[in-house]
Amino acid sequence: MALYHINKGINKPIEFKGLKAQYIGYLAGGLVLLLVGFAIMYLVGVPVTFCVIMIGALGSLLFYQVFKLSHKYGQHGLMKRSAKRYLPKYLQFKTRQVFLRLKRTS
């Protein structure tokens, strides 16, 4: 039986085989969906060879995408990217009173 080590230090995200933080959960959820998809296709009567080829291709795409996102955005980057669309494109002030009331700290 193989032993897999999950690298976790103090104040560091969980990392497993290069996947960081929430991407481990995304990969696990995707694999569960692939398993359910295979079961549904098998029960409907789709030929097994087609099921295996389809699930294999989708599984490869899943692994590729999850690893790509993990390396591109890191631990919190994907959440920051999705939250960025809620930021306004620009701020508009009608008066300069907002800036005049600011306190200077040195």
PDB file of N, CA and C in Angstrom:
ATOM      1  N   MET A   1       0.850  -1.176   0.000  1.00  0.00           N
ATOM      2  CA  MET A   1       0.000   0.000   0.000  1.00  0.00           C
ATOM      3  C   MET A   1       0.894   1.238   0.000  1.00  0.00           C
ATOM      4  N   ALA A   2       0.560   2.171  -0.853  1.00  0.00           N
ATOM      5  CA  ALA A   2       1.357   3.390  -0.993  1.00  0.00           C
ATOM      6  C   ALA A   2       0.968   4.404   0.068  1.00  0.00           C
ATOM      7  N   LEU A   3       1.960   5.105   0.557  1.00  0.00           N
ATOM      8  CA  LEU A   3       1.716   6.189   1.502  1.00  0.00           C
ATOM      9  C   LEU A   3       1.962   7.508   0.792  1.00  0.00           C
ATOM     10  N   TYR A   4       1.006   8.414   0.905  1.00  0.00           N
ATOM     11  CA  TYR A   4       1.139   9.732   0.293  1.00  0.00           C
ATOM     12  C   TYR A   4       1.267  10.763   1.392  1.00  0.00           C
ATOM     13  N   HIS A   5       2.236  11.632   1.258  1.00  0.00           N
ATOM     14  CA  HIS A   5       2.459  12.668   2.250  1.00  0.00           C
ATOM     15  C   HIS A   5       1.794  13.953   1.795  1.00  0.00           C
ATOM     16  N   ILE A   6       1.065  14.565   2.704  1.00  0.00           N
ATOM     17  CA  ILE A   6       0.476  15.869   2.448  1.00  0.00           C
ATOM     18  C   ILE A   6       1.382  16.888   3.108  1.00  0.00           C
ATOM     19  N   ASN A   7       2.010  17.732   2.291  1.00  0.00           N
ATOM     20  CA  ASN A   7       2.945  18.730   2.812  1.00  0.00           C
ATOM     21  C   ASN A   7       2.170  19.883   3.411  1.00  0.00           C
ATOM     22  N   LYS A   8       2.348  20.097   4.703  1.00  0.00           N
ATOM     23  CA  LYS A   8       1.675  21.215   5.365  1.00  0.00           C
ATOM     24  C   LYS A   8       2.602  21.708   6.453  1.00  0.00           C
ATOM     25  N   GLY A   9       2.983  22.961   6.340  1.00  0.00           N
ATOM     26  CA  GLY A   9       3.789  23.595   7.366  1.00  0.00           C
ATOM     27  C   GLY A   9       2.940  24.610   8.101  1.00  0.00           C
ATOM     28  N   ILE A  10       3.560  25.356   8.969  1.00  0.00           N
ATOM     29  CA  ILE A  10       2.840  26.393   9.699  1.00  0.00           C
ATOM     30  C   ILE A  10       2.508  27.521   8.735  1.00  0.00           C
ATOM     31  N   ASN A  11       1.257  27.946   8.744  1.00  0.00           N
ATOM     32  CA  ASN A  11       0.746  29.021   7.885  1.00  0.00           C
ATOM     33  C   ASN A  11       0.967  28.759   6.398  1.00  0.00           C
ATOM     34  N   LYS A  12       0.938  27.513   5.993  1.00  0.00           N
ATOM     35  CA  LYS A  12       1.060  27.168   4.583  1.00  0.00           C
ATOM     36  C   LYS A  12      -0.183  26.390   4.167  1.00  0.00           C
ATOM     37  N   PRO A  13      -0.587  26.520   2.907  1.00  0.00           N
ATOM     38  CA  PRO A  13      -1.764  25.775   2.449  1.00  0.00           C
ATOM     39  C   PRO A  13      -1.449  24.292   2.316  1.00  0.00           C
ATOM     40  N   ILE A  14      -2.475  23.479   2.371  1.00  0.00           N
ATOM     41  CA  ILE A  14      -2.301  22.054   2.131  1.00  0.00           C
ATOM     42  C   ILE A  14      -1.887  21.873   0.680  1.00  0.00           C
ATOM     43  N   GLU A  15      -0.894  21.031   0.456  1.00  0.00           N
ATOM     44  CA  GLU A  15      -0.434  20.771  -0.906  1.00  0.00           C
ATOM     45  C   GLU A  15      -0.283  19.272  -1.085  1.00  0.00           C
ATOM     46  N   PHE A  16      -0.857  18.739  -2.157  1.00  0.00           N
ATOM     47  CA  PHE A  16      -0.800  17.310  -2.436  1.00  0.00           C
ATOM     48  C   PHE A  16      -0.484  17.118  -3.911  1.00  0.00           C
ATOM     49  N   LYS A  17       0.673  16.566  -4.196  1.00  0.00           N
ATOM     50  CA  LYS A  17       1.103  16.296  -5.570  1.00  0.00           C
ATOM     51  C   LYS A  17       1.046  17.539  -6.452  1.00  0.00           C
ATOM     52  N   GLY A  18       1.337  18.702  -5.888  1.00  0.00           N
ATOM     53  CA  GLY A  18       1.353  19.939  -6.651  1.00  0.00           C
ATOM     54  C   GLY A  18       0.051  20.719  -6.623  1.00  0.00           C
ATOM     55  N   LEU A  19      -1.026  20.115  -6.123  1.00  0.00           N
ATOM     56  CA  LEU A  19      -2.305  20.824  -6.013  1.00  0.00           C
ATOM     57  C   LEU A  19      -2.345  21.576  -4.702  1.00  0.00           C
ATOM     58  N   LYS A  20      -2.855  22.789  -4.733  1.00  0.00           N
ATOM     59  CA  LYS A  20      -2.888  23.612  -3.536  1.00  0.00           C
ATOM     60  C   LYS A  20      -4.320  23.846  -3.081  1.00  0.00           C
ATOM     61  N   ALA A  21      -4.522  23.815  -1.778  1.00  0.00           N
ATOM     62  CA  ALA A  21      -5.735  24.266  -1.087  1.00  0.00           C
ATOM     63  C   ALA A  21      -7.013  23.703  -1.692  1.00  0.00           C
ATOM     64  N   GLN A  22      -7.915  24.570  -2.162  1.00  0.00           N
ATOM     65  CA  GLN A  22      -9.255  24.155  -2.565  1.00  0.00           C
ATOM     66  C   GLN A  22      -9.255  23.351  -3.861  1.00  0.00           C
ATOM     67  N   TYR A  23      -8.166  23.352  -4.610  1.00  0.00           N
ATOM     68  CA  TYR A  23      -8.128  22.614  -5.869  1.00  0.00           C
ATOM     69  C   TYR A  23      -8.161  21.105  -5.632  1.00  0.00           C
ATOM     70  N   ILE A  24      -7.728  20.663  -4.472  1.00  0.00           N
ATOM     71  CA  ILE A  24      -7.843  19.247  -4.123  1.00  0.00           C
ATOM     72  C   ILE A  24      -9.318  18.873  -4.061  1.00  0.00           C
ATOM     73  N   GLY A  25     -10.130  19.731  -3.459  1.00  0.00           N
ATOM     74  CA  GLY A  25     -11.575  19.496  -3.393  1.00  0.00           C
ATOM     75  C   GLY A  25     -12.232  19.553  -4.760  1.00  0.00           C
ATOM     76  N   TYR A  26     -11.790  20.489  -5.603  1.00  0.00           N
ATOM     77  CA  TYR A  26     -12.342  20.578  -6.957  1.00  0.00           C
ATOM     78  C   TYR A  26     -12.063  19.294  -7.737  1.00  0.00           C
ATOM     79  N   LEU A  27     -10.849  18.776  -7.608  1.00  0.00           N
ATOM     80  CA  LEU A  27     -10.495  17.549  -8.309  1.00  0.00           C
ATOM     81  C   LEU A  27     -11.306  16.370  -7.773  1.00  0.00           C
ATOM     82  N   ALA A  28     -11.460  16.285  -6.464  1.00  0.00           N
ATOM     83  CA  ALA A  28     -12.237  15.192  -5.875  1.00  0.00           C
ATOM     84  C   ALA A  28     -13.696  15.263  -6.320  1.00  0.00           C
ATOM     85  N   GLY A  29     -14.278  16.456  -6.309  1.00  0.00           N
ATOM     86  CA  GLY A  29     -15.663  16.613  -6.763  1.00  0.00           C
ATOM     87  C   GLY A  29     -15.823  16.248  -8.228  1.00  0.00           C
ATOM     88  N   GLY A  30     -14.861  16.639  -9.054  1.00  0.00           N
ATOM     89  CA  GLY A  30     -14.911  16.293 -10.473  1.00  0.00           C
ATOM     90  C   GLY A  30     -14.818  14.795 -10.700  1.00  0.00           C
ATOM     91  N   LEU A  31     -13.977  14.122  -9.923  1.00  0.00           N
ATOM     92  CA  LEU A  31     -13.859  12.671 -10.059  1.00  0.00           C
ATOM     93  C   LEU A  31     -15.137  11.963  -9.636  1.00  0.00           C
ATOM     94  N   VAL A  32     -15.792  12.472  -8.600  1.00  0.00           N
ATOM     95  CA  VAL A  32     -17.081  11.890  -8.182  1.00  0.00           C
ATOM     96  C   VAL A  32     -18.116  12.076  -9.282  1.00  0.00           C
ATOM     97  N   LEU A  33     -18.145  13.261  -9.899  1.00  0.00           N
ATOM     98  CA  LEU A  33     -19.083  13.499 -11.001  1.00  0.00           C
ATOM     99  C   LEU A  33     -18.790  12.588 -12.194  1.00  0.00           C
ATOM    100  N   LEU A  34     -17.523  12.336 -12.471  1.00  0.00           N
ATOM    101  CA  LEU A  34     -17.177  11.407 -13.547  1.00  0.00           C
ATOM    102  C   LEU A  34     -17.644   9.989 -13.228  1.00  0.00           C
ATOM    103  N   LEU A  35     -17.509   9.579 -11.976  1.00  0.00           N
ATOM    104  CA  LEU A  35     -17.975   8.252 -11.570  1.00  0.00           C
ATOM    105  C   LEU A  35     -19.484   8.131 -11.729  1.00  0.00           C
ATOM    106  N   VAL A  36     -20.212   9.151 -11.299  1.00  0.00           N
ATOM    107  CA  VAL A  36     -21.673   9.146 -11.439  1.00  0.00           C
ATOM    108  C   VAL A  36     -22.061   9.169 -12.918  1.00  0.00           C
ATOM    109  N   GLY A  37     -21.349   9.956 -13.713  1.00  0.00           N
ATOM    110  CA  GLY A  37     -21.616   9.999 -15.152  1.00  0.00           C
ATOM    111  C   GLY A  37     -21.398   8.652 -15.821  1.00  0.00           C
ATOM    112  N   PHE A  38     -20.334   7.956 -15.435  1.00  0.00           N
ATOM    113  CA  PHE A  38     -20.083   6.625 -15.979  1.00  0.00           C
ATOM    114  C   PHE A  38     -21.203   5.666 -15.601  1.00  0.00           C
ATOM    115  N   ALA A  39     -21.630   5.717 -14.338  1.00  0.00           N
ATOM    116  CA  ALA A  39     -22.699   4.822 -13.885  1.00  0.00           C
ATOM    117  C   ALA A  39     -23.995   5.094 -14.645  1.00  0.00           C
ATOM    118  N   ILE A  40     -24.324   6.358 -14.845  1.00  0.00           N
ATOM    119  CA  ILE A  40     -25.562   6.701 -15.566  1.00  0.00           C
ATOM    120  C   ILE A  40     -25.475   6.236 -17.022  1.00  0.00           C
ATOM    121  N   MET A  41     -24.336   6.488 -17.673  1.00  0.00           N
ATOM    122  CA  MET A  41     -24.193   6.051 -19.068  1.00  0.00           C
ATOM    123  C   MET A  41     -24.264   4.532 -19.180  1.00  0.00           C
ATOM    124  N   TYR A  42     -23.677   3.826 -18.225  1.00  0.00           N
ATOM    125  CA  TYR A  42     -23.701   2.365 -18.243  1.00  0.00           C
ATOM    126  C   TYR A  42     -25.119   1.840 -18.045  1.00  0.00           C
ATOM    127  N   LEU A  43     -25.859   2.453 -17.118  1.00  0.00           N
ATOM    128  CA  LEU A  43     -27.228   2.006 -16.854  1.00  0.00           C
ATOM    129  C   LEU A  43     -28.172   2.322 -18.011  1.00  0.00           C
ATOM    130  N   VAL A  44     -27.916   3.405 -18.727  1.00  0.00           N
ATOM    131  CA  VAL A  44     -28.756   3.769 -19.872  1.00  0.00           C
ATOM    132  C   VAL A  44     -28.541   2.796 -21.028  1.00  0.00           C
ATOM    133  N   GLY A  45     -27.359   2.217 -21.115  1.00  0.00           N
ATOM    134  CA  GLY A  45     -27.096   1.239 -22.160  1.00  0.00           C
ATOM    135  C   GLY A  45     -26.072   1.674 -23.182  1.00  0.00           C
ATOM    136  N   VAL A  46     -25.317   2.692 -22.863  1.00  0.00           N
ATOM    137  CA  VAL A  46     -24.245   3.140 -23.758  1.00  0.00           C
ATOM    138  C   VAL A  46     -23.152   2.072 -23.739  1.00  0.00           C
ATOM    139  N   PRO A  47     -22.571   1.742 -24.895  1.00  0.00           N
ATOM    140  CA  PRO A  47     -21.508   0.724 -24.917  1.00  0.00           C
ATOM    141  C   PRO A  47     -20.355   1.083 -23.965  1.00  0.00           C
ATOM    142  N   VAL A  48     -19.822   0.051 -23.322  1.00  0.00           N
ATOM    143  CA  VAL A  48     -18.807   0.251 -22.289  1.00  0.00           C
ATOM    144  C   VAL A  48     -17.544   0.894 -22.863  1.00  0.00           C
ATOM    145  N   THR A  49     -17.149   0.503 -24.061  1.00  0.00           N
ATOM    146  CA  THR A  49     -15.935   1.093 -24.641  1.00  0.00           C
ATOM    147  C   THR A  49     -16.104   2.597 -24.843  1.00  0.00           C
ATOM    148  N   PHE A  50     -17.290   3.012 -25.298  1.00  0.00           N
ATOM    149  CA  PHE A  50     -17.543   4.443 -25.462  1.00  0.00           C
ATOM    150  C   PHE A  50     -17.531   5.149 -24.111  1.00  0.00           C
ATOM    151  N   CYS A  51     -18.119   4.494 -23.090  1.00  0.00           N
ATOM    152  CA  CYS A  51     -18.126   5.074 -21.731  1.00  0.00           C
ATOM    153  C   CYS A  51     -16.700   5.286 -21.226  1.00  0.00           C
ATOM    154  N   VAL A  52     -15.866   4.278 -21.393  1.00  0.00           N
ATOM    155  CA  VAL A  52     -14.492   4.353 -20.890  1.00  0.00           C
ATOM    156  C   VAL A  52     -13.710   5.433 -21.632  1.00  0.00           C
ATOM    157  N   ILE A  53     -13.878   5.496 -22.958  1.00  0.00           N
ATOM    158  CA  ILE A  53     -13.172   6.518 -23.736  1.00  0.00           C
ATOM    159  C   ILE A  53     -13.641   7.909 -23.340  1.00  0.00           C
ATOM    160  N   MET A  54     -14.959   8.084 -23.200  1.00  0.00           N
ATOM    161  CA  MET A  54     -15.523   9.391 -22.854  1.00  0.00           C
ATOM    162  C   MET A  54     -15.080   9.826 -21.455  1.00  0.00           C
ATOM    163  N   ILE A  55     -15.173   8.940 -20.485  1.00  0.00           N
ATOM    164  CA  ILE A  55     -14.781   9.275 -19.112  1.00  0.00           C
ATOM    165  C   ILE A  55     -13.272   9.500 -19.034  1.00  0.00           C
ATOM    166  N   GLY A  56     -12.499   8.730 -19.786  1.00  0.00           N
ATOM    167  CA  GLY A  56     -11.046   8.936 -19.814  1.00  0.00           C
ATOM    168  C   GLY A  56     -10.672  10.302 -20.365  1.00  0.00           C
ATOM    169  N   ALA A  57     -11.337  10.697 -21.450  1.00  0.00           N
ATOM    170  CA  ALA A  57     -11.060  12.013 -22.041  1.00  0.00           C
ATOM    171  C   ALA A  57     -11.492  13.130 -21.101  1.00  0.00           C
ATOM    172  N   LEU A  58     -12.677  13.011 -20.518  1.00  0.00           N
ATOM    173  CA  LEU A  58     -13.151  14.036 -19.582  1.00  0.00           C
ATOM    174  C   LEU A  58     -12.285  14.089 -18.321  1.00  0.00           C
ATOM    175  N   GLY A  59     -11.825  12.923 -17.858  1.00  0.00           N
ATOM    176  CA  GLY A  59     -10.938  12.882 -16.694  1.00  0.00           C
ATOM    177  C   GLY A  59      -9.602  13.548 -16.978  1.00  0.00           C
ATOM    178  N   SER A  60      -9.064  13.312 -18.172  1.00  0.00           N
ATOM    179  CA  SER A  60      -7.807  13.970 -18.554  1.00  0.00           C
ATOM    180  C   SER A  60      -7.986  15.477 -18.618  1.00  0.00           C
ATOM    181  N   LEU A  61      -9.106  15.921 -19.191  1.00  0.00           N
ATOM    182  CA  LEU A  61      -9.401  17.350 -19.266  1.00  0.00           C
ATOM    183  C   LEU A  61      -9.562  17.943 -17.868  1.00  0.00           C
ATOM    184  N   LEU A  62     -10.214  17.201 -16.978  1.00  0.00           N
ATOM    185  CA  LEU A  62     -10.395  17.659 -15.593  1.00  0.00           C
ATOM    186  C   LEU A  62      -9.046  17.846 -14.905  1.00  0.00           C
ATOM    187  N   PHE A  63      -8.171  16.847 -14.996  1.00  0.00           N
ATOM    188  CA  PHE A  63      -6.851  16.947 -14.373  1.00  0.00           C
ATOM    189  C   PHE A  63      -6.062  18.114 -14.953  1.00  0.00           C
ATOM    190  N   TYR A  64      -6.098  18.254 -16.271  1.00  0.00           N
ATOM    191  CA  TYR A  64      -5.360  19.338 -16.925  1.00  0.00           C
ATOM    192  C   TYR A  64      -5.847  20.695 -16.433  1.00  0.00           C
ATOM    193  N   GLN A  65      -7.166  20.902 -16.415  1.00  0.00           N
ATOM    194  CA  GLN A  65      -7.725  22.192 -16.019  1.00  0.00           C
ATOM    195  C   GLN A  65      -7.448  22.509 -14.548  1.00  0.00           C
ATOM    196  N   VAL A  66      -7.619  21.524 -13.671  1.00  0.00           N
ATOM    197  CA  VAL A  66      -7.419  21.766 -12.238  1.00  0.00           C
ATOM    198  C   VAL A  66      -5.953  22.084 -11.947  1.00  0.00           C
ATOM    199  N   PHE A  67      -5.033  21.348 -12.543  1.00  0.00           N
ATOM    200  CA  PHE A  67      -3.617  21.640 -12.329  1.00  0.00           C
ATOM    201  C   PHE A  67      -3.245  22.992 -12.926  1.00  0.00           C
ATOM    202  N   LYS A  68      -3.817  23.325 -14.071  1.00  0.00           N
ATOM    203  CA  LYS A  68      -3.547  24.622 -14.700  1.00  0.00           C
ATOM    204  C   LYS A  68      -4.027  25.758 -13.806  1.00  0.00           C
ATOM    205  N   LEU A  69      -5.246  25.639 -13.266  1.00  0.00           N
ATOM    206  CA  LEU A  69      -5.772  26.672 -12.373  1.00  0.00           C
ATOM    207  C   LEU A  69      -4.959  26.765 -11.087  1.00  0.00           C
ATOM    208  N   SER A  70      -4.556  25.613 -10.554  1.00  0.00           N
ATOM    209  CA  SER A  70      -3.779  25.603  -9.320  1.00  0.00           C
ATOM    210  C   SER A  70      -2.446  26.315  -9.501  1.00  0.00           C
ATOM    211  N   HIS A  71      -1.781  26.072 -10.614  1.00  0.00           N
ATOM    212  CA  HIS A  71      -0.483  26.706 -10.835  1.00  0.00           C
ATOM    213  C   HIS A  71      -0.622  28.171 -11.223  1.00  0.00           C
ATOM    214  N   LYS A  72      -1.698  28.515 -11.914  1.00  0.00           N
ATOM    215  CA  LYS A  72      -1.863  29.893 -12.366  1.00  0.00           C
ATOM    216  C   LYS A  72      -2.298  30.816 -11.234  1.00  0.00           C
ATOM    217  N   TYR A  73      -3.272  30.394 -10.427  1.00  0.00           N
ATOM    218  CA  TYR A  73      -3.858  31.278  -9.429  1.00  0.00           C
ATOM    219  C   TYR A  73      -3.403  31.001  -8.001  1.00  0.00           C
ATOM    220  N   GLY A  74      -2.877  29.836  -7.705  1.00  0.00           N
ATOM    221  CA  GLY A  74      -2.410  29.553  -6.353  1.00  0.00           C
ATOM    222  C   GLY A  74      -3.549  29.356  -5.363  1.00  0.00           C
ATOM    223  N   GLN A  75      -3.254  29.602  -4.093  1.00  0.00           N
ATOM    224  CA  GLN A  75      -4.197  29.282  -3.023  1.00  0.00           C
ATOM    225  C   GLN A  75      -5.464  30.126  -3.071  1.00  0.00           C
ATOM    226  N   HIS A  76      -5.342  31.440  -3.148  1.00  0.00           N
ATOM    227  CA  HIS A  76      -6.518  32.310  -3.077  1.00  0.00           C
ATOM    228  C   HIS A  76      -6.793  33.059  -4.371  1.00  0.00           C
ATOM    229  N   GLY A  77      -5.973  32.878  -5.385  1.00  0.00           N
ATOM    230  CA  GLY A  77      -6.076  33.675  -6.595  1.00  0.00           C
ATOM    231  C   GLY A  77      -7.376  33.516  -7.354  1.00  0.00           C
ATOM    232  N   LEU A  78      -7.914  32.299  -7.392  1.00  0.00           N
ATOM    233  CA  LEU A  78      -9.156  32.076  -8.132  1.00  0.00           C
ATOM    234  C   LEU A  78     -10.327  32.774  -7.453  1.00  0.00           C
ATOM    235  N   MET A  79     -10.341  32.777  -6.123  1.00  0.00           N
ATOM    236  CA  MET A  79     -11.400  33.491  -5.400  1.00  0.00           C
ATOM    237  C   MET A  79     -11.260  34.995  -5.611  1.00  0.00           C
ATOM    238  N   LYS A  80     -10.027  35.492  -5.620  1.00  0.00           N
ATOM    239  CA  LYS A  80      -9.811  36.921  -5.869  1.00  0.00           C
ATOM    240  C   LYS A  80     -10.255  37.291  -7.277  1.00  0.00           C
ATOM    241  N   ARG A  81      -9.984  36.426  -8.228  1.00  0.00           N
ATOM    242  CA  ARG A  81     -10.375  36.708  -9.613  1.00  0.00           C
ATOM    243  C   ARG A  81     -11.891  36.740  -9.747  1.00  0.00           C
ATOM    244  N   SER A  82     -12.584  35.811  -9.098  1.00  0.00           N
ATOM    245  CA  SER A  82     -14.044  35.808  -9.189  1.00  0.00           C
ATOM    246  C   SER A  82     -14.655  36.978  -8.420  1.00  0.00           C
ATOM    247  N   ALA A  83     -13.998  37.455  -7.370  1.00  0.00           N
ATOM    248  CA  ALA A  83     -14.514  38.601  -6.613  1.00  0.00           C
ATOM    249  C   ALA A  83     -14.234  39.916  -7.322  1.00  0.00           C
ATOM    250  N   LYS A  84     -13.293  39.919  -8.244  1.00  0.00           N
ATOM    251  CA  LYS A  84     -12.905  41.158  -8.918  1.00  0.00           C
ATOM    252  C   LYS A  84     -14.038  41.737  -9.759  1.00  0.00           C
ATOM    253  N   ARG A  85     -14.939  40.900 -10.239  1.00  0.00           N
ATOM    254  CA  ARG A  85     -16.023  41.422 -11.079  1.00  0.00           C
ATOM    255  C   ARG A  85     -17.039  42.230 -10.294  1.00  0.00           C
ATOM    256  N   TYR A  86     -17.014  42.142  -8.977  1.00  0.00           N
ATOM    257  CA  TYR A  86     -17.922  42.930  -8.148  1.00  0.00           C
ATOM    258  C   TYR A  86     -17.364  44.316  -7.825  1.00  0.00           C
ATOM    259  N   LEU A  87     -16.121  44.575  -8.181  1.00  0.00           N
ATOM    260  CA  LEU A  87     -15.531  45.890  -7.953  1.00  0.00           C
ATOM    261  C   LEU A  87     -16.006  46.860  -9.030  1.00  0.00           C
ATOM    262  N   PRO A  88     -16.222  48.110  -8.670  1.00  0.00           N
ATOM    263  CA  PRO A  88     -16.618  49.082  -9.698  1.00  0.00           C
ATOM    264  C   PRO A  88     -15.453  49.371 -10.644  1.00  0.00           C
ATOM    265  N   LYS A  89     -15.790  49.728 -11.855  1.00  0.00           N
ATOM    266  CA  LYS A  89     -14.750  50.038 -12.842  1.00  0.00           C
ATOM    267  C   LYS A  89     -14.074  51.366 -12.529  1.00  0.00           C
ATOM    268  N   TYR A  90     -14.824  52.308 -11.977  1.00  0.00           N
ATOM    269  CA  TYR A  90     -14.257  53.599 -11.591  1.00  0.00           C
ATOM    270  C   TYR A  90     -15.117  54.204 -10.493  1.00  0.00           C
ATOM    271  N   LEU A  91     -14.546  55.168  -9.758  1.00  0.00           N
ATOM    272  CA  LEU A  91     -15.252  55.902  -8.714  1.00  0.00           C
ATOM    273  C   LEU A  91     -15.481  57.320  -9.202  1.00  0.00           C
ATOM    274  N   GLN A  92     -16.636  57.851  -8.869  1.00  0.00           N
ATOM    275  CA  GLN A  92     -16.967  59.195  -9.325  1.00  0.00           C
ATOM    276  C   GLN A  92     -17.388  60.018  -8.109  1.00  0.00           C
ATOM    277  N   PHE A  93     -16.711  61.138  -7.908  1.00  0.00           N
ATOM    278  CA  PHE A  93     -17.026  62.033  -6.803  1.00  0.00           C
ATOM    279  C   PHE A  93     -17.543  63.347  -7.372  1.00  0.00           C
ATOM    280  N   LYS A  94     -18.604  63.870  -6.776  1.00  0.00           N
ATOM    281  CA  LYS A  94     -19.184  65.135  -7.244  1.00  0.00           C
ATOM    282  C   LYS A  94     -18.498  66.348  -6.612  1.00  0.00           C
ATOM    283  N   THR A  95     -17.970  66.150  -5.403  1.00  0.00           N
ATOM    284  CA  THR A  95     -17.299  67.256  -4.717  1.00  0.00           C
ATOM    285  C   THR A  95     -15.929  66.797  -4.248  1.00  0.00           C
ATOM    286  N   ARG A  96     -15.103  67.767  -3.838  1.00  0.00           N
ATOM    287  CA  ARG A  96     -13.794  67.419  -3.317  1.00  0.00           C
ATOM    288  C   ARG A  96     -13.789  67.298  -1.811  1.00  0.00           C
ATOM    289  N   GLN A  97     -14.947  67.389  -1.163  1.00  0.00           N
ATOM    290  CA  GLN A  97     -15.027  67.318   0.295  1.00  0.00           C
ATOM    291  C   GLN A  97     -14.498  65.985   0.826  1.00  0.00           C
ATOM    292  N   VAL A  98     -14.671  64.945   0.094  1.00  0.00           N
ATOM    293  CA  VAL A  98     -14.170  63.636   0.527  1.00  0.00           C
ATOM    294  C   VAL A  98     -12.668  63.698   0.760  1.00  0.00           C
ATOM    295  N   PHE A  99     -11.965  64.350  -0.116  1.00  0.00           N
ATOM    296  CA  PHE A  99     -10.513  64.427  -0.012  1.00  0.00           C
ATOM    297  C   PHE A  99     -10.056  65.473   0.997  1.00  0.00           C
ATOM    298  N   LEU A 100     -10.849  66.509   1.180  1.00  0.00           N
ATOM    299  CA  LEU A 100     -10.475  67.551   2.136  1.00  0.00           C
ATOM    300  C   LEU A 100     -10.601  67.070   3.576  1.00  0.00           C
ATOM    301  N   ARG A 101     -11.482  66.115   3.815  1.00  0.00           N
ATOM    302  CA  ARG A 101     -11.692  65.603   5.178  1.00  0.00           C
ATOM    303  C   ARG A 101     -10.700  64.511   5.574  1.00  0.00           C
ATOM    304  N   LEU A 102      -9.877  64.090   4.670  1.00  0.00           N
ATOM    305  CA  LEU A 102      -8.900  63.049   4.993  1.00  0.00           C
ATOM    306  C   LEU A 102      -7.858  63.586   5.956  1.00  0.00           C
ATOM    307  N   LYS A 103      -7.473  62.754   6.916  1.00  0.00           N
ATOM    308  CA  LYS A 103      -6.442  63.153   7.876  1.00  0.00           C
ATOM    309  C   LYS A 103      -5.097  62.649   7.383  1.00  0.00           C
ATOM    310  N   ARG A 104      -4.095  63.457   7.585  1.00  0.00           N
ATOM    311  CA  ARG A 104      -2.748  63.045   7.214  1.00  0.00           C
ATOM    312  C   ARG A 104      -2.107  62.324   8.385  1.00  0.00           C
ATOM    313  N   THR A 105      -1.523  61.195   8.101  1.00  0.00           N
ATOM    314  CA  THR A 105      -0.780  60.457   9.123  1.00  0.00           C
ATOM    315  C   THR A 105       0.652  60.334   8.642  1.00  0.00           C
ATOM    316  N   SER A 106       1.588  60.718   9.499  1.00  0.00           N
ATOM    317  CA  SER A 106       3.001  60.663   9.115  1.00  0.00           C
ATOM    318  C   SER A 106       3.748  59.729  10.012  1.00  0.00           C
TER     319      SER A 106
END
